[in-house]
Amino acid sequence: MGKTYASADWHGCGKLAFDVIEYLKPDDKLYFLGDAIDRGSDGIKIMNKLLTDPRVIYLKGNHEEIMANAIPDALERGIATYEGMLWMQNGGWQTWGDLEYRSDESKMWYVHKINSMPTEVIYTSPAGHTVILEHAGFSPFVKSDRKHNPLWDREHFYDEWFGENDYKGLDPEKTYLVHGHTPVQYLNYDYGYRGQEVKKDKDFFKAKTSFFADIDVEDFCPKPEVIRYCDGHKFDIDMCTISSERIALIDLNTFEIKYFDKR
C-alpha cells in the first residue's frame, strides 16, 4: 500500500520539485497545496508535471489564482493591466516568460485547469484521523466573523483549535489541518502563532529576504522546519523554497516530515 503525502509552495524551483516527484513510488499519492509557479524559473514545467501525474491531487494556491486572473486580461489588453502587474509584482515574470509566445489557446488551457482546481480536500487516514488540506489554512471549529479565504488567509494563526463550530461533522480531537502559503520564517518572525513560546531570533527574518538580496541562505541561517502549532492540530509546511532551497513533504498518515535540500 502506498503512502499519502502533502507538499506546497515549490515556486518554480524545478530541481527540488522533481526530486520530490522522483521520490514518490508508483502507488503513492501527493496532495500539492498550491503555488507551483512564480519566482523560480521552472514553474510551468512543475505545473505541467503536477497536472498530468495521476498520483497528484493539485489544489489551487493564491499564485495560481493570480495567474488565472491575469492571463485573460493579458490576451485582451496586454500584460500591463492591474491583474498583470499584480502577477509581475508577485514573481510572475518567470512564469509569463514561459507562456508569452504560446498560443492563446495554450494560455487559456492553464486558466481552465486552474479554475477547476479544488481549494480544499479532506483526507481520512487508515487510522481514522482526518486532515483538512488547503493552501492558506483556517480554524474550522472556531466561530468567526472573518470571511475565510482558502488562498489568502493569514488571520488564523492565534486562533484556538477547539470551539463551538461544527465543521462538516468532524471530530476536533481527531482532525488536523495542513497548509502552506505563509513561510514558516514569517510565522516565526512576523506573525507568531498559538503555541509559540518566544519569537525566533533575527536570523529567521533574513531567510525570507535572502532571495531578493541575492544572498546564499546557508551562509547565515539554519534551514527552516515545519511548524506544528495550535495544540498540535495545524502544520505549516511552506519552507519559502526560493530562498531556503528546501521542500517539506509530510506523510498524512504519520505526520513524519521528509526534507529535500539543494545538493
C-alpha atoms as a PDB file:
ATOM      1  CA  MET A   1       0.000   0.000   0.000  1.00  0.00           C
ATOM      2  CA  GLY A   2       1.344   3.392  -0.998  1.00  0.00           C
ATOM      3  CA  LYS A   3       1.876   6.398   1.220  1.00  0.00           C
ATOM      4  CA  THR A   4      -0.057   9.665   1.160  1.00  0.00           C
ATOM      5  CA  TYR A   5       1.806  12.947   1.303  1.00  0.00           C
ATOM      6  CA  ALA A   6       1.299  16.689   1.106  1.00  0.00           C
ATOM      7  CA  SER A   7       3.653  19.428  -0.015  1.00  0.00           C
ATOM      8  CA  ALA A   8       3.301  23.057  -1.066  1.00  0.00           C
ATOM      9  CA  ASP A   9       4.837  26.269  -2.370  1.00  0.00           C
ATOM     10  CA  TRP A  10       7.533  24.986  -4.702  1.00  0.00           C
ATOM     11  CA  HIS A  11       7.564  28.325  -6.573  1.00  0.00           C
ATOM     12  CA  GLY A  12       9.393  27.341  -9.720  1.00  0.00           C
ATOM     13  CA  CYS A  13      12.278  25.507  -8.007  1.00  0.00           C
ATOM     14  CA  GLY A  14      12.435  22.727 -10.559  1.00  0.00           C
ATOM     15  CA  LYS A  15      15.395  20.694  -9.334  1.00  0.00           C
ATOM     16  CA  LEU A  16      13.958  20.235  -5.849  1.00  0.00           C
ATOM     17  CA  ALA A  17      10.413  19.755  -7.150  1.00  0.00           C
ATOM     18  CA  PHE A  18      11.464  16.946  -9.455  1.00  0.00           C
ATOM     19  CA  ASP A  19      13.476  15.359  -6.660  1.00  0.00           C
ATOM     20  CA  VAL A  20      10.185  15.083  -4.755  1.00  0.00           C
ATOM     21  CA  ILE A  21       8.325  13.695  -7.773  1.00  0.00           C
ATOM     22  CA  GLU A  22      11.057  11.104  -8.352  1.00  0.00           C
ATOM     23  CA  TYR A  23      10.924  10.083  -4.690  1.00  0.00           C
ATOM     24  CA  LEU A  24       7.255   9.090  -4.962  1.00  0.00           C
ATOM     25  CA  LYS A  25       6.551   5.431  -5.575  1.00  0.00           C
ATOM     26  CA  PRO A  26       4.012   4.368  -8.221  1.00  0.00           C
ATOM     27  CA  ASP A  27       1.255   3.735  -5.663  1.00  0.00           C
ATOM     28  CA  ASP A  28       1.897   6.859  -3.551  1.00  0.00           C
ATOM     29  CA  LYS A  29      -0.376   9.885  -3.583  1.00  0.00           C
ATOM     30  CA  LEU A  30       0.627  13.548  -3.295  1.00  0.00           C
ATOM     31  CA  TYR A  31      -1.673  16.414  -2.373  1.00  0.00           C
ATOM     32  CA  PHE A  32       0.033  19.517  -3.686  1.00  0.00           C
ATOM     33  CA  LEU A  33      -1.341  22.540  -1.844  1.00  0.00           C
ATOM     34  CA  GLY A  34      -0.695  25.224  -4.424  1.00  0.00           C
ATOM     35  CA  ASP A  35       1.900  27.751  -5.604  1.00  0.00           C
ATOM     36  CA  ALA A  36       3.878  25.648  -8.046  1.00  0.00           C
ATOM     37  CA  ILE A  37       4.664  28.721 -10.122  1.00  0.00           C
ATOM     38  CA  ASP A  38       6.315  32.174  -9.989  1.00  0.00           C
ATOM     39  CA  ARG A  39       9.611  33.411  -8.517  1.00  0.00           C
ATOM     40  CA  GLY A  40      11.681  30.469  -9.775  1.00  0.00           C
ATOM     41  CA  SER A  41      12.353  29.658 -13.426  1.00  0.00           C
ATOM     42  CA  ASP A  42      10.617  26.277 -13.749  1.00  0.00           C
ATOM     43  CA  GLY A  43       7.044  26.991 -12.684  1.00  0.00           C
ATOM     44  CA  ILE A  44       5.371  25.895 -15.910  1.00  0.00           C
ATOM     45  CA  LYS A  45       7.443  22.699 -16.059  1.00  0.00           C
ATOM     46  CA  ILE A  46       6.394  21.883 -12.500  1.00  0.00           C
ATOM     47  CA  MET A  47       2.758  22.751 -13.174  1.00  0.00           C
ATOM     48  CA  ASN A  48       2.709  20.565 -16.284  1.00  0.00           C
ATOM     49  CA  LYS A  49       4.038  17.608 -14.311  1.00  0.00           C
ATOM     50  CA  LEU A  50       1.613  18.076 -11.430  1.00  0.00           C
ATOM     51  CA  LEU A  51      -1.348  18.407 -13.795  1.00  0.00           C
ATOM     52  CA  THR A  52      -0.518  15.204 -15.684  1.00  0.00           C
ATOM     53  CA  ASP A  53       0.789  12.905 -12.929  1.00  0.00           C
ATOM     54  CA  PRO A  54      -2.058  10.582 -11.833  1.00  0.00           C
ATOM     55  CA  ARG A  55      -0.576  10.365  -8.334  1.00  0.00           C
ATOM     56  CA  VAL A  56      -1.105  14.096  -7.732  1.00  0.00           C
ATOM     57  CA  ILE A  57      -4.150  15.992  -6.479  1.00  0.00           C
ATOM     58  CA  TYR A  58      -3.420  19.644  -7.219  1.00  0.00           C
ATOM     59  CA  LEU A  59      -5.099  22.288  -5.042  1.00  0.00           C
ATOM     60  CA  LYS A  60      -5.241  25.937  -6.050  1.00  0.00           C
ATOM     61  CA  GLY A  61      -2.889  28.439  -4.441  1.00  0.00           C
ATOM     62  CA  ASN A  62      -3.040  32.206  -4.496  1.00  0.00           C
ATOM     63  CA  HIS A  63      -0.356  32.356  -7.201  1.00  0.00           C
ATOM     64  CA  GLU A  64      -2.386  30.076  -9.451  1.00  0.00           C
ATOM     65  CA  GLU A  65      -5.365  32.350  -8.870  1.00  0.00           C
ATOM     66  CA  ILE A  66      -3.339  35.453  -9.740  1.00  0.00           C
ATOM     67  CA  MET A  67      -2.144  33.773 -12.931  1.00  0.00           C
ATOM     68  CA  ALA A  68      -5.663  32.725 -13.946  1.00  0.00           C
ATOM     69  CA  ASN A  69      -6.914  36.279 -13.432  1.00  0.00           C
ATOM     70  CA  ALA A  70      -4.013  37.896 -15.296  1.00  0.00           C
ATOM     71  CA  ILE A  71      -3.944  35.805 -18.464  1.00  0.00           C
ATOM     72  CA  PRO A  72      -7.409  36.741 -19.836  1.00  0.00           C
ATOM     73  CA  ASP A  73      -6.608  40.417 -19.223  1.00  0.00           C
ATOM     74  CA  ALA A  74      -3.263  39.999 -20.972  1.00  0.00           C
ATOM     75  CA  LEU A  75      -4.909  38.429 -24.004  1.00  0.00           C
ATOM     76  CA  GLU A  76      -7.396  41.274 -24.266  1.00  0.00           C
ATOM     77  CA  ARG A  77      -5.377  44.339 -23.246  1.00  0.00           C
ATOM     78  CA  GLY A  78      -1.771  43.292 -22.710  1.00  0.00           C
ATOM     79  CA  ILE A  79       0.084  42.332 -19.571  1.00  0.00           C
ATOM     80  CA  ALA A  80       0.290  45.941 -18.294  1.00  0.00           C
ATOM     81  CA  THR A  81      -3.091  45.793 -16.561  1.00  0.00           C
ATOM     82  CA  TYR A  82      -3.839  45.747 -12.846  1.00  0.00           C
ATOM     83  CA  GLU A  83      -4.074  41.949 -12.787  1.00  0.00           C
ATOM     84  CA  GLY A  84      -0.948  41.608 -14.903  1.00  0.00           C
ATOM     85  CA  MET A  85       1.097  43.973 -12.772  1.00  0.00           C
ATOM     86  CA  LEU A  86      -0.107  42.223  -9.618  1.00  0.00           C
ATOM     87  CA  TRP A  87       1.185  38.995 -11.100  1.00  0.00           C
ATOM     88  CA  MET A  88       4.538  40.512 -12.032  1.00  0.00           C
ATOM     89  CA  GLN A  89       4.934  42.041  -8.565  1.00  0.00           C
ATOM     90  CA  ASN A  90       4.417  38.587  -7.063  1.00  0.00           C
ATOM     91  CA  GLY A  91       7.140  36.941  -9.123  1.00  0.00           C
ATOM     92  CA  GLY A  92       5.091  36.126 -12.201  1.00  0.00           C
ATOM     93  CA  TRP A  93       7.658  37.381 -14.715  1.00  0.00           C
ATOM     94  CA  GLN A  94       9.305  33.960 -14.804  1.00  0.00           C
ATOM     95  CA  THR A  95       6.032  32.176 -15.478  1.00  0.00           C
ATOM     96  CA  TRP A  96       4.830  34.717 -18.043  1.00  0.00           C
ATOM     97  CA  GLY A  97       8.162  34.385 -19.838  1.00  0.00           C
ATOM     98  CA  ASP A  98       7.376  30.715 -20.445  1.00  0.00           C
ATOM     99  CA  LEU A  99       3.859  31.488 -21.694  1.00  0.00           C
ATOM    100  CA  GLU A 100       4.154  34.785 -23.544  1.00  0.00           C
ATOM    101  CA  TYR A 101       4.781  33.391 -27.014  1.00  0.00           C
ATOM    102  CA  ARG A 102       2.465  30.422 -26.779  1.00  0.00           C
ATOM    103  CA  SER A 103      -0.894  30.428 -28.497  1.00  0.00           C
ATOM    104  CA  ASP A 104      -3.915  31.992 -26.845  1.00  0.00           C
ATOM    105  CA  GLU A 105      -5.471  28.539 -26.668  1.00  0.00           C
ATOM    106  CA  SER A 106      -2.454  27.206 -24.803  1.00  0.00           C
ATOM    107  CA  LYS A 107      -2.539  30.076 -22.324  1.00  0.00           C
ATOM    108  CA  MET A 108      -6.256  29.605 -21.702  1.00  0.00           C
ATOM    109  CA  TRP A 109      -5.731  25.864 -21.163  1.00  0.00           C
ATOM    110  CA  TYR A 110      -3.876  26.776 -17.966  1.00  0.00           C
ATOM    111  CA  VAL A 111      -6.632  29.178 -16.933  1.00  0.00           C
ATOM    112  CA  HIS A 112      -9.271  26.454 -17.308  1.00  0.00           C
ATOM    113  CA  LYS A 113      -7.137  23.973 -15.383  1.00  0.00           C
ATOM    114  CA  ILE A 114      -6.600  26.435 -12.543  1.00  0.00           C
ATOM    115  CA  ASN A 115     -10.269  27.354 -12.369  1.00  0.00           C
ATOM    116  CA  SER A 116     -11.182  23.688 -11.957  1.00  0.00           C
ATOM    117  CA  MET A 117      -8.752  23.076  -9.075  1.00  0.00           C
ATOM    118  CA  PRO A 118     -10.210  22.387  -5.610  1.00  0.00           C
ATOM    119  CA  THR A 119      -9.450  24.793  -2.772  1.00  0.00           C
ATOM    120  CA  GLU A 120      -9.996  22.231  -0.009  1.00  0.00           C
ATOM    121  CA  VAL A 121      -9.669  18.465   0.268  1.00  0.00           C
ATOM    122  CA  ILE A 122     -10.433  16.352   3.330  1.00  0.00           C
ATOM    123  CA  TYR A 123      -8.331  13.223   3.752  1.00  0.00           C
ATOM    124  CA  THR A 124      -9.119  10.406   6.202  1.00  0.00           C
ATOM    125  CA  SER A 125      -6.230   8.171   7.211  1.00  0.00           C
ATOM    126  CA  PRO A 126      -6.472   4.382   7.662  1.00  0.00           C
ATOM    127  CA  ALA A 127      -6.114   5.007  11.417  1.00  0.00           C
ATOM    128  CA  GLY A 128      -9.203   7.212  11.405  1.00  0.00           C
ATOM    129  CA  HIS A 129      -7.824  10.729  11.784  1.00  0.00           C
ATOM    130  CA  THR A 130      -8.890  13.438   9.367  1.00  0.00           C
ATOM    131  CA  VAL A 131      -6.675  16.006   7.660  1.00  0.00           C
ATOM    132  CA  ILE A 132      -8.072  19.189   6.124  1.00  0.00           C
ATOM    133  CA  LEU A 133      -5.829  20.297   3.272  1.00  0.00           C
ATOM    134  CA  GLU A 134      -5.785  23.753   1.741  1.00  0.00           C
ATOM    135  CA  HIS A 135      -3.375  26.438   0.688  1.00  0.00           C
ATOM    136  CA  ALA A 136      -3.682  29.106   3.389  1.00  0.00           C
ATOM    137  CA  GLY A 137      -5.254  27.440   6.432  1.00  0.00           C
ATOM    138  CA  PHE A 138      -8.033  28.441   8.836  1.00  0.00           C
ATOM    139  CA  SER A 139      -9.644  27.440  12.130  1.00  0.00           C
ATOM    140  CA  PRO A 140     -12.540  25.108  11.300  1.00  0.00           C
ATOM    141  CA  PHE A 141     -14.026  24.742  14.779  1.00  0.00           C
ATOM    142  CA  VAL A 142     -13.919  28.398  15.859  1.00  0.00           C
ATOM    143  CA  LYS A 143     -16.853  30.640  15.031  1.00  0.00           C
ATOM    144  CA  SER A 144     -15.637  33.879  13.498  1.00  0.00           C
ATOM    145  CA  ASP A 145     -16.987  36.907  11.688  1.00  0.00           C
ATOM    146  CA  ARG A 146     -13.936  36.840   9.447  1.00  0.00           C
ATOM    147  CA  LYS A 147     -14.616  35.747   5.912  1.00  0.00           C
ATOM    148  CA  HIS A 148     -12.335  32.820   5.262  1.00  0.00           C
ATOM    149  CA  ASN A 149     -10.341  32.881   2.025  1.00  0.00           C
ATOM    150  CA  PRO A 150      -8.653  29.494   1.490  1.00  0.00           C
ATOM    151  CA  LEU A 151      -5.994  31.035  -0.774  1.00  0.00           C
ATOM    152  CA  TRP A 152      -5.007  34.112   1.206  1.00  0.00           C
ATOM    153  CA  ASP A 153      -5.921  33.767   4.913  1.00  0.00           C
ATOM    154  CA  ARG A 154      -3.297  34.908   7.404  1.00  0.00           C
ATOM    155  CA  GLU A 155      -5.524  35.750  10.350  1.00  0.00           C
ATOM    156  CA  HIS A 156      -5.980  32.329  11.912  1.00  0.00           C
ATOM    157  CA  PHE A 157      -2.580  31.750  13.490  1.00  0.00           C
ATOM    158  CA  TYR A 158      -3.539  32.711  17.055  1.00  0.00           C
ATOM    159  CA  ASP A 159      -6.964  31.040  16.988  1.00  0.00           C
ATOM    160  CA  GLU A 160      -7.950  28.266  19.336  1.00  0.00           C
ATOM    161  CA  TRP A 161      -8.444  24.850  17.785  1.00  0.00           C
ATOM    162  CA  PHE A 162     -11.356  23.686  19.903  1.00  0.00           C
ATOM    163  CA  GLY A 163     -14.550  25.701  19.611  1.00  0.00           C
ATOM    164  CA  GLU A 164     -18.302  25.519  19.194  1.00  0.00           C
ATOM    165  CA  ASN A 165     -18.405  25.388  15.420  1.00  0.00           C
ATOM    166  CA  ASP A 166     -19.494  22.095  13.833  1.00  0.00           C
ATOM    167  CA  TYR A 167     -17.354  21.789  10.740  1.00  0.00           C
ATOM    168  CA  LYS A 168     -18.733  19.151   8.388  1.00  0.00           C
ATOM    169  CA  GLY A 169     -19.430  16.821  11.302  1.00  0.00           C
ATOM    170  CA  LEU A 170     -15.724  16.292  12.012  1.00  0.00           C
ATOM    171  CA  ASP A 171     -14.352  15.425  15.446  1.00  0.00           C
ATOM    172  CA  PRO A 172     -11.913  18.197  16.507  1.00  0.00           C
ATOM    173  CA  GLU A 173      -9.885  15.730  18.580  1.00  0.00           C
ATOM    174  CA  LYS A 174      -9.181  13.598  15.504  1.00  0.00           C
ATOM    175  CA  THR A 175      -8.909  16.385  12.937  1.00  0.00           C
ATOM    176  CA  TYR A 176      -5.783  18.190  11.726  1.00  0.00           C
ATOM    177  CA  LEU A 177      -5.055  20.893   9.178  1.00  0.00           C
ATOM    178  CA  VAL A 178      -2.070  21.136   6.821  1.00  0.00           C
ATOM    179  CA  HIS A 179      -1.409  24.359   4.928  1.00  0.00           C
ATOM    180  CA  GLY A 180       1.247  26.362   3.129  1.00  0.00           C
ATOM    181  CA  HIS A 181       1.079  29.979   1.859  1.00  0.00           C
ATOM    182  CA  THR A 182       2.842  31.564   4.838  1.00  0.00           C
ATOM    183  CA  PRO A 183       6.545  30.647   5.025  1.00  0.00           C
ATOM    184  CA  VAL A 184       7.494  29.355   8.445  1.00  0.00           C
ATOM    185  CA  GLN A 185      10.036  32.184   8.607  1.00  0.00           C
ATOM    186  CA  TYR A 186       7.149  34.670   8.506  1.00  0.00           C
ATOM    187  CA  LEU A 187       5.169  32.681  11.032  1.00  0.00           C
ATOM    188  CA  ASN A 188       8.110  32.729  13.401  1.00  0.00           C
ATOM    189  CA  TYR A 189       9.124  36.325  12.970  1.00  0.00           C
ATOM    190  CA  ASP A 190       6.233  38.465  11.693  1.00  0.00           C
ATOM    191  CA  TYR A 191       3.105  36.800  12.992  1.00  0.00           C
ATOM    192  CA  GLY A 192       3.624  34.432  15.869  1.00  0.00           C
ATOM    193  CA  TYR A 193       1.105  31.663  16.426  1.00  0.00           C
ATOM    194  CA  ARG A 194      -0.833  29.780  19.064  1.00  0.00           C
ATOM    195  CA  GLY A 195       1.614  27.534  20.895  1.00  0.00           C
ATOM    196  CA  GLN A 196       4.663  29.686  20.290  1.00  0.00           C
ATOM    197  CA  GLU A 197       6.565  30.473  23.458  1.00  0.00           C
ATOM    198  CA  VAL A 198       9.093  33.006  22.144  1.00  0.00           C
ATOM    199  CA  LYS A 199       9.801  34.560  18.786  1.00  0.00           C
ATOM    200  CA  LYS A 200      12.832  33.292  16.953  1.00  0.00           C
ATOM    201  CA  ASP A 201      15.933  35.404  16.521  1.00  0.00           C
ATOM    202  CA  LYS A 202      16.579  37.766  13.655  1.00  0.00           C
ATOM    203  CA  ASP A 203      18.330  35.149  11.511  1.00  0.00           C
ATOM    204  CA  PHE A 204      14.927  33.651  10.702  1.00  0.00           C
ATOM    205  CA  PHE A 205      13.852  37.014   9.339  1.00  0.00           C
ATOM    206  CA  LYS A 206      16.828  37.042   6.988  1.00  0.00           C
ATOM    207  CA  ALA A 207      15.741  33.811   5.316  1.00  0.00           C
ATOM    208  CA  LYS A 208      12.624  35.344   3.813  1.00  0.00           C
ATOM    209  CA  THR A 209      14.562  38.213   2.219  1.00  0.00           C
ATOM    210  CA  SER A 210      17.681  36.388   1.083  1.00  0.00           C
ATOM    211  CA  PHE A 211      16.304  35.629  -2.390  1.00  0.00           C
ATOM    212  CA  PHE A 212      15.720  39.287  -3.151  1.00  0.00           C
ATOM    213  CA  ALA A 213      19.134  40.272  -1.748  1.00  0.00           C
ATOM    214  CA  ASP A 214      20.876  37.524  -3.758  1.00  0.00           C
ATOM    215  CA  ILE A 215      22.411  36.026  -0.613  1.00  0.00           C
ATOM    216  CA  ASP A 216      23.125  32.350  -0.041  1.00  0.00           C
ATOM    217  CA  VAL A 217      20.795  31.462   2.803  1.00  0.00           C
ATOM    218  CA  GLU A 218      23.142  28.781   4.132  1.00  0.00           C
ATOM    219  CA  ASP A 219      25.773  31.407   4.886  1.00  0.00           C
ATOM    220  CA  PHE A 220      23.881  32.751   7.862  1.00  0.00           C
ATOM    221  CA  CYS A 221      20.642  30.938   8.535  1.00  0.00           C
ATOM    222  CA  PRO A 222      19.628  27.421   9.586  1.00  0.00           C
ATOM    223  CA  LYS A 223      17.273  25.519   7.321  1.00  0.00           C
ATOM    224  CA  PRO A 224      13.599  26.084   8.161  1.00  0.00           C
ATOM    225  CA  GLU A 225      11.455  23.296   9.556  1.00  0.00           C
ATOM    226  CA  VAL A 226       7.744  22.529   9.516  1.00  0.00           C
ATOM    227  CA  ILE A 227       5.862  24.225  12.347  1.00  0.00           C
ATOM    228  CA  ARG A 228       3.277  22.166  14.224  1.00  0.00           C
ATOM    229  CA  TYR A 229       1.109  24.509  16.284  1.00  0.00           C
ATOM    230  CA  CYS A 230      -2.402  25.228  17.612  1.00  0.00           C
ATOM    231  CA  ASP A 231      -2.449  22.419  20.181  1.00  0.00           C
ATOM    232  CA  GLY A 232      -0.670  20.207  17.661  1.00  0.00           C
ATOM    233  CA  HIS A 233      -3.511  20.298  15.146  1.00  0.00           C
ATOM    234  CA  LYS A 234      -2.060  22.622  12.475  1.00  0.00           C
ATOM    235  CA  PHE A 235       1.015  22.201  10.305  1.00  0.00           C
ATOM    236  CA  ASP A 236       2.635  24.944   8.236  1.00  0.00           C
ATOM    237  CA  ILE A 237       4.736  23.279   5.532  1.00  0.00           C
ATOM    238  CA  ASP A 238       5.809  26.324   3.450  1.00  0.00           C
ATOM    239  CA  MET A 239       9.626  26.406   3.503  1.00  0.00           C
ATOM    240  CA  CYS A 240       9.992  29.576   1.377  1.00  0.00           C
ATOM    241  CA  THR A 241      11.754  27.269  -1.056  1.00  0.00           C
ATOM    242  CA  ILE A 242      13.020  30.018  -3.341  1.00  0.00           C
ATOM    243  CA  SER A 243      15.275  31.316  -0.556  1.00  0.00           C
ATOM    244  CA  SER A 244      15.772  28.300   1.735  1.00  0.00           C
ATOM    245  CA  GLU A 245      16.282  25.806  -1.101  1.00  0.00           C
ATOM    246  CA  ARG A 246      14.271  23.290   0.888  1.00  0.00           C
ATOM    247  CA  ILE A 247      10.950  21.470   0.322  1.00  0.00           C
ATOM    248  CA  ALA A 248       8.994  19.666   3.030  1.00  0.00           C
ATOM    249  CA  LEU A 249       6.987  16.509   2.364  1.00  0.00           C
ATOM    250  CA  ILE A 250       4.591  15.472   5.131  1.00  0.00           C
ATOM    251  CA  ASP A 251       3.214  11.941   5.477  1.00  0.00           C
ATOM    252  CA  LEU A 252      -0.503  12.409   6.172  1.00  0.00           C
ATOM    253  CA  ASN A 253      -0.799   9.099   7.998  1.00  0.00           C
ATOM    254  CA  THR A 254       2.099   9.517  10.433  1.00  0.00           C
ATOM    255  CA  PHE A 255       2.887  13.274  10.216  1.00  0.00           C
ATOM    256  CA  GLU A 256       6.527  12.399   9.672  1.00  0.00           C
ATOM    257  CA  ILE A 257       8.437  15.012   7.667  1.00  0.00           C
ATOM    258  CA  LYS A 258      10.981  14.402   4.915  1.00  0.00           C
ATOM    259  CA  TYR A 259      13.046  17.356   3.717  1.00  0.00           C
ATOM    260  CA  PHE A 260      14.529  17.802   0.260  1.00  0.00           C
ATOM    261  CA  ASP A 261      17.504  20.164   0.096  1.00  0.00           C
ATOM    262  CA  LYS A 262      19.573  21.528  -2.752  1.00  0.00           C
ATOM    263  CA  ARG A 263      22.630  19.357  -3.349  1.00  0.00           C
END
